[in-house]
Amino acid sequence: NNGLSIPRALRAGTSVAAELLMRDDIGILAVGKAADIIAMPGDPFDDITVTERVEFVMKGGIITKDFR
């Protein structure tokens, strides 16, 4: 129970970090934002083991690794 919750840690590494860097083009998934994502076959909030099964990696809106 020490440290950040999963949702708070996710925000710290995304939207909060973008705000601190004064970057409005990153930080959330939305139209017009730079899309750097890692896709998994489930919700890591419900089952952390899905992080071991990455389906694809997207950088700048382009899939750079595809494991499907």
PDB file of N, CA and C in Angstrom:
ATOM      1  N   ASN A   1       0.803  -1.200   0.000  1.00  0.00           N
ATOM      2  CA  ASN A   1       0.000   0.000   0.000  1.00  0.00           C
ATOM      3  C   ASN A   1       0.844   1.262   0.000  1.00  0.00           C
ATOM      4  N   ASN A   2       2.121   1.111  -0.187  1.00  0.00           N
ATOM      5  CA  ASN A   2       2.993   2.281  -0.291  1.00  0.00           C
ATOM      6  C   ASN A   2       3.160   2.640  -1.756  1.00  0.00           C
ATOM      7  N   GLY A   3       3.344   3.904  -2.033  1.00  0.00           N
ATOM      8  CA  GLY A   3       3.559   4.333  -3.406  1.00  0.00           C
ATOM      9  C   GLY A   3       2.269   4.761  -4.079  1.00  0.00           C
ATOM     10  N   LEU A   4       2.325   4.871  -5.405  1.00  0.00           N
ATOM     11  CA  LEU A   4       1.187   5.339  -6.189  1.00  0.00           C
ATOM     12  C   LEU A   4       0.272   4.193  -6.575  1.00  0.00           C
ATOM     13  N   SER A   5      -1.013   4.506  -6.696  1.00  0.00           N
ATOM     14  CA  SER A   5      -1.950   3.540  -7.266  1.00  0.00           C
ATOM     15  C   SER A   5      -1.656   3.445  -8.764  1.00  0.00           C
ATOM     16  N   ILE A   6      -2.144   2.399  -9.403  1.00  0.00           N
ATOM     17  CA  ILE A   6      -1.916   2.237 -10.847  1.00  0.00           C
ATOM     18  C   ILE A   6      -2.476   3.426 -11.631  1.00  0.00           C
ATOM     19  N   PRO A   7      -3.722   3.862 -11.393  1.00  0.00           N
ATOM     20  CA  PRO A   7      -4.223   5.023 -12.143  1.00  0.00           C
ATOM     21  C   PRO A   7      -3.387   6.288 -11.933  1.00  0.00           C
ATOM     22  N   ARG A   8      -2.945   6.539 -10.702  1.00  0.00           N
ATOM     23  CA  ARG A   8      -2.127   7.736 -10.442  1.00  0.00           C
ATOM     24  C   ARG A   8      -0.767   7.626 -11.123  1.00  0.00           C
ATOM     25  N   ALA A   9      -0.184   6.435 -11.132  1.00  0.00           N
ATOM     26  CA  ALA A   9       1.103   6.234 -11.806  1.00  0.00           C
ATOM     27  C   ALA A   9       0.959   6.451 -13.308  1.00  0.00           C
ATOM     28  N   LEU A  10      -0.133   5.968 -13.894  1.00  0.00           N
ATOM     29  CA  LEU A  10      -0.375   6.160 -15.322  1.00  0.00           C
ATOM     30  C   LEU A  10      -0.515   7.640 -15.651  1.00  0.00           C
ATOM     31  N   ARG A  11      -1.276   8.365 -14.849  1.00  0.00           N
ATOM     32  CA  ARG A  11      -1.417   9.813 -15.080  1.00  0.00           C
ATOM     33  C   ARG A  11      -0.085  10.538 -14.905  1.00  0.00           C
ATOM     34  N   ALA A  12       0.711  10.115 -13.923  1.00  0.00           N
ATOM     35  CA  ALA A  12       2.014  10.754 -13.684  1.00  0.00           C
ATOM     36  C   ALA A  12       2.920  10.617 -14.897  1.00  0.00           C
ATOM     37  N   GLY A  13       2.830   9.495 -15.585  1.00  0.00           N
ATOM     38  CA  GLY A  13       3.685   9.264 -16.749  1.00  0.00           C
ATOM     39  C   GLY A  13       3.109   9.750 -18.059  1.00  0.00           C
ATOM     40  N   THR A  14       1.884  10.261 -18.039  1.00  0.00           N
ATOM     41  CA  THR A  14       1.241  10.690 -19.283  1.00  0.00           C
ATOM     42  C   THR A  14       0.772  12.140 -19.185  1.00  0.00           C
ATOM     43  N   SER A  15      -0.455  12.359 -18.770  1.00  0.00           N
ATOM     44  CA  SER A  15      -1.030  13.710 -18.790  1.00  0.00           C
ATOM     45  C   SER A  15      -0.336  14.677 -17.838  1.00  0.00           C
ATOM     46  N   VAL A  16       0.049  14.218 -16.659  1.00  0.00           N
ATOM     47  CA  VAL A  16       0.741  15.106 -15.714  1.00  0.00           C
ATOM     48  C   VAL A  16       2.125  15.469 -16.249  1.00  0.00           C
ATOM     49  N   ALA A  17       2.835  14.482 -16.798  1.00  0.00           N
ATOM     50  CA  ALA A  17       4.158  14.751 -17.367  1.00  0.00           C
ATOM     51  C   ALA A  17       4.058  15.742 -18.527  1.00  0.00           C
ATOM     52  N   ALA A  18       3.059  15.569 -19.392  1.00  0.00           N
ATOM     53  CA  ALA A  18       2.876  16.489 -20.515  1.00  0.00           C
ATOM     54  C   ALA A  18       2.608  17.907 -20.019  1.00  0.00           C
ATOM     55  N   GLU A  19       1.800  18.022 -18.980  1.00  0.00           N
ATOM     56  CA  GLU A  19       1.504  19.343 -18.416  1.00  0.00           C
ATOM     57  C   GLU A  19       2.768  19.991 -17.852  1.00  0.00           C
ATOM     58  N   LEU A  20       3.571  19.225 -17.119  1.00  0.00           N
ATOM     59  CA  LEU A  20       4.806  19.768 -16.550  1.00  0.00           C
ATOM     60  C   LEU A  20       5.793  20.192 -17.633  1.00  0.00           C
ATOM     61  N   LEU A  21       5.784  19.467 -18.759  1.00  0.00           N
ATOM     62  CA  LEU A  21       6.666  19.805 -19.880  1.00  0.00           C
ATOM     63  C   LEU A  21       6.075  20.887 -20.778  1.00  0.00           C
ATOM     64  N   MET A  22       4.858  21.348 -20.426  1.00  0.00           N
ATOM     65  CA  MET A  22       4.133  22.343 -21.223  1.00  0.00           C
ATOM     66  C   MET A  22       3.958  21.884 -22.665  1.00  0.00           C
ATOM     67  N   ARG A  23       3.567  20.611 -22.817  1.00  0.00           N
ATOM     68  CA  ARG A  23       3.336  20.023 -24.136  1.00  0.00           C
ATOM     69  C   ARG A  23       1.857  19.700 -24.274  1.00  0.00           C
ATOM     70  N   ASP A  24       1.172  20.368 -25.197  1.00  0.00           N
ATOM     71  CA  ASP A  24      -0.245  20.070 -25.381  1.00  0.00           C
ATOM     72  C   ASP A  24      -0.494  19.080 -26.516  1.00  0.00           C
ATOM     73  N   ASP A  25       0.591  18.590 -27.141  1.00  0.00           N
ATOM     74  CA  ASP A  25       0.450  17.626 -28.233  1.00  0.00           C
ATOM     75  C   ASP A  25       0.606  16.182 -27.760  1.00  0.00           C
ATOM     76  N   ILE A  26       0.840  15.978 -26.476  1.00  0.00           N
ATOM     77  CA  ILE A  26       1.029  14.642 -25.921  1.00  0.00           C
ATOM     78  C   ILE A  26       0.276  14.524 -24.591  1.00  0.00           C
ATOM     79  N   GLY A  27       0.253  13.320 -24.043  1.00  0.00           N
ATOM     80  CA  GLY A  27      -0.277  13.138 -22.692  1.00  0.00           C
ATOM     81  C   GLY A  27      -1.608  12.430 -22.592  1.00  0.00           C
ATOM     82  N   ILE A  28      -2.431  12.504 -23.646  1.00  0.00           N
ATOM     83  CA  ILE A  28      -3.717  11.804 -23.659  1.00  0.00           C
ATOM     84  C   ILE A  28      -3.952  11.237 -25.055  1.00  0.00           C
ATOM     85  N   LEU A  29      -4.814  10.236 -25.136  1.00  0.00           N
ATOM     86  CA  LEU A  29      -5.215   9.711 -26.442  1.00  0.00           C
ATOM     87  C   LEU A  29      -6.386  10.537 -26.942  1.00  0.00           C
ATOM     88  N   ALA A  30      -6.150  11.298 -28.011  1.00  0.00           N
ATOM     89  CA  ALA A  30      -7.193  12.151 -28.579  1.00  0.00           C
ATOM     90  C   ALA A  30      -6.804  12.515 -30.007  1.00  0.00           C
ATOM     91  N   VAL A  31      -7.789  12.875 -30.799  1.00  0.00           N
ATOM     92  CA  VAL A  31      -7.547  13.307 -32.172  1.00  0.00           C
ATOM     93  C   VAL A  31      -6.591  14.488 -32.157  1.00  0.00           C
ATOM     94  N   GLY A  32      -5.564  14.433 -33.007  1.00  0.00           N
ATOM     95  CA  GLY A  32      -4.600  15.513 -33.118  1.00  0.00           C
ATOM     96  C   GLY A  32      -3.416  15.414 -32.179  1.00  0.00           C
ATOM     97  N   LYS A  33      -3.428  14.434 -31.292  1.00  0.00           N
ATOM     98  CA  LYS A  33      -2.303  14.234 -30.366  1.00  0.00           C
ATOM     99  C   LYS A  33      -1.359  13.195 -30.958  1.00  0.00           C
ATOM    100  N   ALA A  34      -0.087  13.256 -30.587  1.00  0.00           N
ATOM    101  CA  ALA A  34       0.890  12.256 -31.016  1.00  0.00           C
ATOM    102  C   ALA A  34       0.543  10.935 -30.336  1.00  0.00           C
ATOM    103  N   ALA A  35       0.447   9.861 -31.113  1.00  0.00           N
ATOM    104  CA  ALA A  35       0.030   8.565 -30.557  1.00  0.00           C
ATOM    105  C   ALA A  35       1.225   7.643 -30.370  1.00  0.00           C
ATOM    106  N   ASP A  36       1.719   7.569 -29.158  1.00  0.00           N
ATOM    107  CA  ASP A  36       2.734   6.595 -28.762  1.00  0.00           C
ATOM    108  C   ASP A  36       2.056   5.667 -27.765  1.00  0.00           C
ATOM    109  N   ILE A  37       1.778   4.435 -28.189  1.00  0.00           N
ATOM    110  CA  ILE A  37       1.059   3.515 -27.308  1.00  0.00           C
ATOM    111  C   ILE A  37       1.650   2.117 -27.378  1.00  0.00           C
ATOM    112  N   ILE A  38       1.355   1.344 -26.359  1.00  0.00           N
ATOM    113  CA  ILE A  38       1.642  -0.085 -26.329  1.00  0.00           C
ATOM    114  C   ILE A  38       0.295  -0.768 -26.148  1.00  0.00           C
ATOM    115  N   ALA A  39      -0.101  -1.622 -27.105  1.00  0.00           N
ATOM    116  CA  ALA A  39      -1.400  -2.291 -27.047  1.00  0.00           C
ATOM    117  C   ALA A  39      -1.262  -3.675 -26.429  1.00  0.00           C
ATOM    118  N   MET A  40      -2.198  -3.987 -25.544  1.00  0.00           N
ATOM    119  CA  MET A  40      -2.224  -5.273 -24.841  1.00  0.00           C
ATOM    120  C   MET A  40      -3.610  -5.888 -24.982  1.00  0.00           C
ATOM    121  N   PRO A  41      -3.723  -7.207 -24.806  1.00  0.00           N
ATOM    122  CA  PRO A  41      -5.012  -7.882 -24.997  1.00  0.00           C
ATOM    123  C   PRO A  41      -5.917  -7.831 -23.767  1.00  0.00           C
ATOM    124  N   GLY A  42      -5.955  -6.730 -23.094  1.00  0.00           N
ATOM    125  CA  GLY A  42      -6.797  -6.618 -21.907  1.00  0.00           C
ATOM    126  C   GLY A  42      -6.465  -5.362 -21.137  1.00  0.00           C
ATOM    127  N   ASP A  43      -7.058  -5.246 -19.992  1.00  0.00           N
ATOM    128  CA  ASP A  43      -6.904  -4.065 -19.156  1.00  0.00           C
ATOM    129  C   ASP A  43      -5.912  -4.348 -18.029  1.00  0.00           C
ATOM    130  N   PRO A  44      -4.739  -3.715 -18.052  1.00  0.00           N
ATOM    131  CA  PRO A  44      -3.757  -3.977 -17.001  1.00  0.00           C
ATOM    132  C   PRO A  44      -4.218  -3.533 -15.612  1.00  0.00           C
ATOM    133  N   PHE A  45      -5.247  -2.687 -15.543  1.00  0.00           N
ATOM    134  CA  PHE A  45      -5.812  -2.330 -14.240  1.00  0.00           C
ATOM    135  C   PHE A  45      -6.513  -3.535 -13.612  1.00  0.00           C
ATOM    136  N   ASP A  46      -7.080  -4.396 -14.467  1.00  0.00           N
ATOM    137  CA  ASP A  46      -7.773  -5.593 -13.984  1.00  0.00           C
ATOM    138  C   ASP A  46      -6.846  -6.795 -13.862  1.00  0.00           C
ATOM    139  N   ASP A  47      -5.863  -6.893 -14.777  1.00  0.00           N
ATOM    140  CA  ASP A  47      -4.964  -8.053 -14.809  1.00  0.00           C
ATOM    141  C   ASP A  47      -3.591  -7.593 -15.287  1.00  0.00           C
ATOM    142  N   ILE A  48      -2.675  -7.389 -14.365  1.00  0.00           N
ATOM    143  CA  ILE A  48      -1.349  -6.852 -14.697  1.00  0.00           C
ATOM    144  C   ILE A  48      -0.575  -7.778 -15.632  1.00  0.00           C
ATOM    145  N   THR A  49      -0.924  -9.069 -15.691  1.00  0.00           N
ATOM    146  CA  THR A  49      -0.175 -10.000 -16.546  1.00  0.00           C
ATOM    147  C   THR A  49      -0.372  -9.727 -18.035  1.00  0.00           C
ATOM    148  N   VAL A  50      -1.394  -8.944 -18.421  1.00  0.00           N
ATOM    149  CA  VAL A  50      -1.552  -8.621 -19.845  1.00  0.00           C
ATOM    150  C   VAL A  50      -0.373  -7.794 -20.358  1.00  0.00           C
ATOM    151  N   THR A  51       0.366  -7.154 -19.462  1.00  0.00           N
ATOM    152  CA  THR A  51       1.539  -6.376 -19.880  1.00  0.00           C
ATOM    153  C   THR A  51       2.650  -7.275 -20.410  1.00  0.00           C
ATOM    154  N   GLU A  52       2.549  -8.570 -20.157  1.00  0.00           N
ATOM    155  CA  GLU A  52       3.532  -9.536 -20.660  1.00  0.00           C
ATOM    156  C   GLU A  52       3.207  -9.987 -22.080  1.00  0.00           C
ATOM    157  N   ARG A  53       2.049  -9.573 -22.610  1.00  0.00           N
ATOM    158  CA  ARG A  53       1.604 -10.011 -23.937  1.00  0.00           C
ATOM    159  C   ARG A  53       1.318  -8.800 -24.832  1.00  0.00           C
ATOM    160  N   VAL A  54       2.341  -8.054 -25.153  1.00  0.00           N
ATOM    161  CA  VAL A  54       2.194  -6.864 -26.001  1.00  0.00           C
ATOM    162  C   VAL A  54       1.759  -7.296 -27.396  1.00  0.00           C
ATOM    163  N   GLU A  55       0.737  -6.638 -27.930  1.00  0.00           N
ATOM    164  CA  GLU A  55       0.259  -6.944 -29.278  1.00  0.00           C
ATOM    165  C   GLU A  55       0.934  -6.074 -30.334  1.00  0.00           C
ATOM    166  N   PHE A  56       1.069  -4.778 -30.050  1.00  0.00           N
ATOM    167  CA  PHE A  56       1.811  -3.910 -30.965  1.00  0.00           C
ATOM    168  C   PHE A  56       2.269  -2.656 -30.246  1.00  0.00           C
ATOM    169  N   VAL A  57       3.254  -1.987 -30.874  1.00  0.00           N
ATOM    170  CA  VAL A  57       3.790  -0.725 -30.370  1.00  0.00           C
ATOM    171  C   VAL A  57       3.578   0.314 -31.459  1.00  0.00           C
ATOM    172  N   MET A  58       3.051   1.470 -31.086  1.00  0.00           N
ATOM    173  CA  MET A  58       2.819   2.560 -32.029  1.00  0.00           C
ATOM    174  C   MET A  58       3.618   3.773 -31.579  1.00  0.00           C
ATOM    175  N   LYS A  59       4.349   4.367 -32.512  1.00  0.00           N
ATOM    176  CA  LYS A  59       5.147   5.569 -32.244  1.00  0.00           C
ATOM    177  C   LYS A  59       4.760   6.626 -33.265  1.00  0.00           C
ATOM    178  N   GLY A  60       4.294   7.760 -32.797  1.00  0.00           N
ATOM    179  CA  GLY A  60       3.894   8.831 -33.707  1.00  0.00           C
ATOM    180  C   GLY A  60       2.759   8.442 -34.634  1.00  0.00           C
ATOM    181  N   GLY A  61       1.892   7.542 -34.163  1.00  0.00           N
ATOM    182  CA  GLY A  61       0.754   7.111 -34.965  1.00  0.00           C
ATOM    183  C   GLY A  61       1.065   6.009 -35.955  1.00  0.00           C
ATOM    184  N   ILE A  62       2.299   5.501 -35.954  1.00  0.00           N
ATOM    185  CA  ILE A  62       2.715   4.440 -36.878  1.00  0.00           C
ATOM    186  C   ILE A  62       3.090   3.204 -36.074  1.00  0.00           C
ATOM    187  N   ILE A  63       2.546   2.042 -36.472  1.00  0.00           N
ATOM    188  CA  ILE A  63       2.898   0.795 -35.795  1.00  0.00           C
ATOM    189  C   ILE A  63       4.336   0.444 -36.151  1.00  0.00           C
ATOM    190  N   THR A  64       5.182   0.366 -35.125  1.00  0.00           N
ATOM    191  CA  THR A  64       6.604   0.069 -35.337  1.00  0.00           C
ATOM    192  C   THR A  64       6.959  -1.370 -34.999  1.00  0.00           C
ATOM    193  N   LYS A  65       6.178  -2.013 -34.161  1.00  0.00           N
ATOM    194  CA  LYS A  65       6.348  -3.434 -33.822  1.00  0.00           C
ATOM    195  C   LYS A  65       4.969  -4.063 -33.799  1.00  0.00           C
ATOM    196  N   ASP A  66       4.817  -5.207 -34.464  1.00  0.00           N
ATOM    197  CA  ASP A  66       3.525  -5.889 -34.502  1.00  0.00           C
ATOM    198  C   ASP A  66       3.723  -7.351 -34.146  1.00  0.00           C
ATOM    199  N   PHE A  67       3.190  -7.757 -33.005  1.00  0.00           N
ATOM    200  CA  PHE A  67       3.354  -9.122 -32.513  1.00  0.00           C
ATOM    201  C   PHE A  67       2.066  -9.931 -32.656  1.00  0.00           C
ATOM    202  N   ARG A  68       1.077  -9.394 -33.370  1.00  0.00           N
ATOM    203  CA  ARG A  68      -0.203 -10.103 -33.511  1.00  0.00           C
ATOM    204  C   ARG A  68      -0.085 -11.267 -34.452  1.00  0.00           C
TER     205      ARG A  68
END
